[in-house]
Amino acid sequence: MNEEKLFHIGITREQGAAYAILPGDPGRVPLIAGYLDKARPLASNREFVSCAGELGGERVIVMSTGIGGPSAAIALEELVMAGLKTAIRVGTCGGMQEKVIPGDLVIPTAAVRMEGTSREYAPPEYPAAADFDVVCALTAAAKQNGLHYHTGVIQSKDSFYGQHAPETMPVGYELQAKWQAWLRLGVLASEMETAALMTAAAARGVRLGCVLHALWNQERKKQGYDDHSVFDTESAVRTAVDALKLLIKAG
């Protein structure tokens, strides 16, 4: 057996699995692992914290990807080396359209590639798109749990403060113009990992989808809505777990 640990994620190929749930935040790993049978810690290295367990009789890995596309793509790449075939990202986002209320779920069908990682996987004309079967499983799970969700296109970026304080950036004119374009195109929400993961997954032949919890919506605040930020991500976690159960059952 090859017991050499994969360089960044710190697990061996033999510890891998065909299925994975990928939160960004390492602190969310134990919460998700609590939904698995026979869950146990695997490794902790840099931003990559992992646990393994079982769901529907199949081995499942829960691993954090950290913030942004580069580390997320590394996590996916090394999990593929360890046998990954299907993955669900569970994360957070900021709503952009008025209808996306804090606490809602967003299930992306595709992502605007306004980040750098995906450019090293595919030409700019190639879309960052979710796997159809995974999207269907996520929407079915959200429905069965009675959760309010949206499907459509999101935006992935590389700079958190480029979104939240674009006027302070030397290229703020470009950031603000593109933001207005995304709004007019109906883009639902903004986050930092999905486009990289979708493009890397396509390059490696992996099924991948995503469910995001809307923390806030800066556009609603601009319009005078008195919204409170919602930080409890359990509904997104439960949706990801139940969707993976459906995918495992379908084979």
Protein backbone atom coordinates (compact mmCIF):
# COMPACT_ATOMS: atom_id res chain seq x y z
CA MET A 1 0.00 0.00 0.00
CA ASN A 2 1.12 3.55 -0.73
CA GLU A 3 1.05 5.28 2.65
CA GLU A 4 2.63 8.53 1.44
CA LYS A 5 0.48 11.49 2.41
CA LEU A 6 -0.79 13.82 -0.25
CA PHE A 7 1.25 17.01 0.01
CA HIS A 8 -1.33 19.59 1.07
CA ILE A 9 -4.35 17.75 2.48
CA GLY A 10 -2.32 15.33 4.58
CA ILE A 11 -4.19 12.09 3.86
CA THR A 12 -3.02 9.01 1.98
CA ARG A 13 -4.60 7.78 -1.24
CA GLU A 14 -5.95 4.80 0.70
CA GLN A 15 -7.85 7.15 3.03
CA GLY A 16 -9.72 8.73 0.14
CA ALA A 17 -13.34 8.29 -0.94
CA ALA A 18 -15.54 8.61 -4.01
CA TYR A 19 -17.78 11.14 -2.23
CA ALA A 20 -16.92 14.38 -0.44
CA ILE A 21 -18.55 17.41 1.16
CA LEU A 22 -16.39 20.50 0.94
CA PRO A 23 -16.99 23.43 3.30
CA GLY A 24 -14.68 26.42 3.15
CA ASP A 25 -14.42 26.92 6.90
CA PRO A 26 -12.38 24.32 8.86
CA GLY A 27 -14.65 24.99 11.84
CA ARG A 28 -17.62 23.63 9.91
CA VAL A 29 -16.03 20.20 9.38
CA PRO A 30 -17.05 18.69 12.76
CA LEU A 31 -20.62 19.95 12.30
CA ILE A 32 -20.93 18.19 8.94
CA ALA A 33 -19.14 15.07 10.17
CA GLY A 34 -21.76 14.82 12.90
CA TYR A 35 -24.27 13.83 10.20
CA LEU A 36 -22.14 10.85 9.15
CA ASP A 37 -21.99 7.37 10.62
CA LYS A 38 -18.71 6.23 12.19
CA ALA A 39 -17.17 9.69 11.73
CA ARG A 40 -13.55 10.15 12.76
CA PRO A 41 -10.85 12.78 12.16
CA LEU A 42 -8.40 12.23 9.33
CA ALA A 43 -5.94 15.12 9.08
CA SER A 44 -5.31 18.79 9.73
CA ASN A 45 -2.79 20.69 7.63
CA ARG A 46 -2.93 24.40 6.82
CA GLU A 47 -6.56 25.18 5.87
CA PHE A 48 -7.32 21.54 5.10
CA VAL A 49 -9.13 19.83 7.98
CA SER A 50 -10.72 16.48 7.20
CA CYS A 51 -12.92 13.78 8.67
CA ALA A 52 -14.21 10.52 7.22
CA GLY A 53 -17.38 8.58 7.87
CA GLU A 54 -20.18 6.72 6.13
CA LEU A 55 -23.42 7.78 4.48
CA GLY A 56 -25.77 5.27 2.92
CA GLY A 57 -23.11 2.62 3.29
CA GLU A 58 -20.51 4.59 1.32
CA ARG A 59 -17.34 6.21 2.61
CA VAL A 60 -17.53 10.02 2.62
CA ILE A 61 -14.85 12.61 3.32
CA VAL A 62 -15.60 16.04 4.75
CA MET A 63 -12.74 18.47 4.05
CA SER A 64 -12.39 22.22 4.37
CA THR A 65 -10.96 24.11 1.40
CA GLY A 66 -10.08 27.43 3.01
CA ILE A 67 -10.76 30.81 1.40
CA GLY A 68 -10.56 31.31 -2.34
CA GLY A 69 -10.01 29.39 -5.53
CA PRO A 70 -6.36 28.29 -5.28
CA SER A 71 -6.74 26.33 -2.05
CA ALA A 72 -10.14 24.96 -3.10
CA ALA A 73 -8.69 23.65 -6.35
CA ILE A 74 -5.77 22.05 -4.49
CA ALA A 75 -8.21 20.26 -2.17
CA LEU A 76 -10.18 18.95 -5.13
CA GLU A 77 -7.07 17.90 -7.07
CA GLU A 78 -5.65 15.87 -4.19
CA LEU A 79 -9.01 14.31 -3.33
CA VAL A 80 -9.25 13.21 -6.97
CA MET A 81 -5.84 11.56 -6.56
CA ALA A 82 -7.45 9.67 -3.67
CA GLY A 83 -10.46 8.51 -5.68
CA LEU A 84 -12.99 11.37 -5.57
CA LYS A 85 -15.87 11.13 -8.08
CA THR A 86 -18.67 13.29 -6.62
CA ALA A 87 -18.44 16.39 -4.42
CA ILE A 88 -20.73 19.03 -2.94
CA ARG A 89 -19.44 22.40 -1.82
CA VAL A 90 -21.35 23.83 1.13
CA GLY A 91 -20.52 27.46 1.84
CA THR A 92 -21.73 31.01 2.35
CA CYS A 93 -22.44 33.92 0.05
CA GLY A 94 -23.78 37.42 -0.09
CA GLY A 95 -27.07 37.90 -1.91
CA MET A 96 -27.22 40.26 -4.89
CA GLN A 97 -30.81 40.15 -6.15
CA GLU A 98 -33.60 41.62 -4.05
CA LYS A 99 -35.32 38.23 -3.75
CA VAL A 100 -32.31 36.62 -1.99
CA ILE A 101 -33.05 37.19 1.70
CA PRO A 102 -30.46 36.51 4.43
CA GLY A 103 -30.91 32.90 5.52
CA ASP A 104 -32.01 31.71 2.07
CA LEU A 105 -30.16 28.98 0.20
CA VAL A 106 -28.62 29.51 -3.23
CA ILE A 107 -27.97 26.45 -5.40
CA PRO A 108 -25.81 27.62 -8.32
CA THR A 109 -26.27 26.22 -11.79
CA ALA A 110 -23.18 28.14 -12.92
CA ALA A 111 -20.71 30.76 -11.74
CA VAL A 112 -19.20 33.90 -13.25
CA ARG A 113 -15.46 33.21 -13.49
CA MET A 114 -14.28 36.52 -11.99
CA GLU A 115 -11.34 34.82 -10.30
CA GLY A 116 -7.94 33.61 -11.44
CA THR A 117 -7.74 29.91 -10.65
CA SER A 118 -10.12 28.67 -13.35
CA ARG A 119 -8.02 30.39 -16.04
CA GLU A 120 -5.34 27.78 -15.46
CA TYR A 121 -7.85 24.99 -16.13
CA ALA A 122 -9.95 26.19 -19.07
CA PRO A 123 -10.11 28.94 -21.71
CA PRO A 124 -12.21 31.97 -20.73
CA GLU A 125 -15.02 30.92 -23.09
CA TYR A 126 -15.64 27.73 -21.08
CA PRO A 127 -18.44 28.09 -18.48
CA ALA A 128 -18.10 27.17 -14.83
CA ALA A 129 -21.17 24.96 -14.54
CA ALA A 130 -22.55 22.60 -11.92
CA ASP A 131 -23.28 18.94 -12.60
CA PHE A 132 -26.98 18.56 -13.44
CA ASP A 133 -27.54 15.47 -11.27
CA VAL A 134 -25.98 17.19 -8.25
CA VAL A 135 -28.13 20.30 -8.76
CA CYS A 136 -31.24 18.12 -8.96
CA ALA A 137 -30.28 16.30 -5.75
CA LEU A 138 -29.65 19.59 -3.94
CA THR A 139 -32.98 21.11 -5.00
CA ALA A 140 -34.79 17.89 -4.03
CA ALA A 141 -33.13 17.95 -0.60
CA ALA A 142 -34.03 21.61 -0.07
CA LYS A 143 -37.64 20.90 -1.03
CA GLN A 144 -37.97 17.89 1.26
CA ASN A 145 -36.66 19.99 4.15
CA GLY A 146 -39.06 22.85 3.37
CA LEU A 147 -36.25 25.36 2.80
CA HIS A 148 -36.40 28.55 0.76
CA TYR A 149 -33.88 28.35 -2.08
CA HIS A 150 -32.91 29.92 -5.40
CA THR A 151 -31.21 28.39 -8.44
CA GLY A 152 -29.24 30.27 -11.06
CA VAL A 153 -25.92 31.96 -11.74
CA ILE A 154 -23.64 33.29 -9.01
CA GLN A 155 -20.40 35.29 -9.10
CA SER A 156 -17.04 34.04 -7.86
CA LYS A 157 -14.36 36.60 -7.11
CA ASP A 158 -10.86 36.76 -5.62
CA SER A 159 -11.12 39.91 -3.48
CA PHE A 160 -13.63 40.15 -0.63
CA TYR A 161 -12.92 43.85 -0.15
CA GLY A 162 -12.98 44.44 -3.90
CA GLN A 163 -16.69 43.70 -3.58
CA HIS A 164 -17.40 45.39 -0.26
CA ALA A 165 -15.25 48.49 -0.77
CA PRO A 166 -14.63 48.76 -4.52
CA GLU A 167 -14.31 52.53 -4.37
CA THR A 168 -11.08 52.12 -2.38
CA MET A 169 -9.43 50.07 -5.14
CA PRO A 170 -7.35 51.60 -7.96
CA VAL A 171 -9.50 49.54 -10.37
CA GLY A 172 -12.73 50.38 -8.56
CA TYR A 173 -14.25 51.78 -11.78
CA GLU A 174 -13.97 48.32 -13.35
CA LEU A 175 -15.23 46.45 -10.29
CA GLN A 176 -18.28 48.68 -9.96
CA ALA A 177 -19.13 48.52 -13.67
CA LYS A 178 -18.95 44.72 -13.70
CA TRP A 179 -21.01 44.50 -10.49
CA GLN A 180 -23.77 46.46 -12.22
CA ALA A 181 -23.53 44.12 -15.20
CA TRP A 182 -23.93 41.06 -12.97
CA LEU A 183 -26.96 42.64 -11.29
CA ARG A 184 -28.60 43.36 -14.65
CA LEU A 185 -27.89 39.77 -15.73
CA GLY A 186 -29.72 38.40 -12.70
CA VAL A 187 -26.70 37.00 -10.87
CA LEU A 188 -28.00 35.78 -7.52
CA ALA A 189 -25.07 35.98 -5.12
CA SER A 190 -21.34 36.47 -4.70
CA GLU A 191 -18.70 34.21 -3.11
CA MET A 192 -15.10 33.08 -3.68
CA GLU A 193 -14.69 29.36 -4.45
CA THR A 194 -17.39 27.90 -6.67
CA ALA A 195 -16.13 28.88 -10.14
CA ALA A 196 -12.70 27.41 -9.43
CA LEU A 197 -14.19 24.18 -8.07
CA MET A 198 -16.65 23.78 -10.96
CA THR A 199 -13.96 24.33 -13.59
CA ALA A 200 -11.40 22.10 -11.88
CA ALA A 201 -14.06 19.40 -11.42
CA ALA A 202 -14.89 19.54 -15.14
CA ALA A 203 -11.20 19.22 -16.00
CA ARG A 204 -10.85 16.17 -13.75
CA GLY A 205 -14.14 14.46 -14.65
CA VAL A 206 -15.75 14.92 -11.23
CA ARG A 207 -19.45 15.60 -10.57
CA LEU A 208 -19.72 18.76 -8.47
CA GLY A 209 -22.45 21.02 -7.21
CA CYS A 210 -22.82 23.62 -4.50
CA VAL A 211 -25.25 24.89 -1.90
CA LEU A 212 -24.68 28.33 -0.37
CA HIS A 213 -26.16 30.01 2.69
CA ALA A 214 -26.87 33.71 2.16
CA LEU A 215 -25.34 35.60 5.09
CA TRP A 216 -26.52 39.04 4.02
CA ASN A 217 -27.52 41.07 0.97
CA GLN A 218 -25.85 44.44 0.48
CA GLU A 219 -28.19 45.35 -2.38
CA ARG A 220 -31.25 44.90 -0.15
CA LYS A 221 -29.62 47.18 2.44
CA LYS A 222 -29.05 49.81 -0.24
CA GLN A 223 -32.77 49.64 -0.99
CA GLY A 224 -33.65 50.24 2.67
CA TYR A 225 -34.56 46.74 3.81
CA ASP A 226 -33.97 46.24 7.54
CA ASP A 227 -32.38 42.81 7.21
CA HIS A 228 -30.30 41.12 9.87
CA SER A 229 -27.33 38.96 8.89
CA VAL A 230 -27.93 35.24 9.38
CA PHE A 231 -24.86 33.18 10.29
CA ASP A 232 -26.40 29.79 11.15
CA THR A 233 -25.46 27.56 8.20
CA GLU A 234 -27.14 24.35 9.40
CA SER A 235 -29.81 24.41 6.68
CA ALA A 236 -27.15 24.44 3.97
CA VAL A 237 -25.26 21.63 5.70
CA ARG A 238 -28.39 19.51 6.04
CA THR A 239 -29.21 20.11 2.37
CA ALA A 240 -25.74 19.01 1.28
CA VAL A 241 -25.87 15.85 3.41
CA ASP A 242 -29.37 14.89 2.25
CA ALA A 243 -28.44 15.57 -1.38
CA LEU A 244 -25.40 13.32 -1.09
CA LYS A 245 -27.64 10.59 0.34
CA LEU A 246 -29.83 10.85 -2.76
CA LEU A 247 -26.82 10.69 -5.07
CA ILE A 248 -25.40 7.66 -3.25
CA LYS A 249 -28.77 5.91 -3.40
CA ALA A 250 -29.03 6.63 -7.14
CA GLY A 251 -25.54 5.17 -7.65
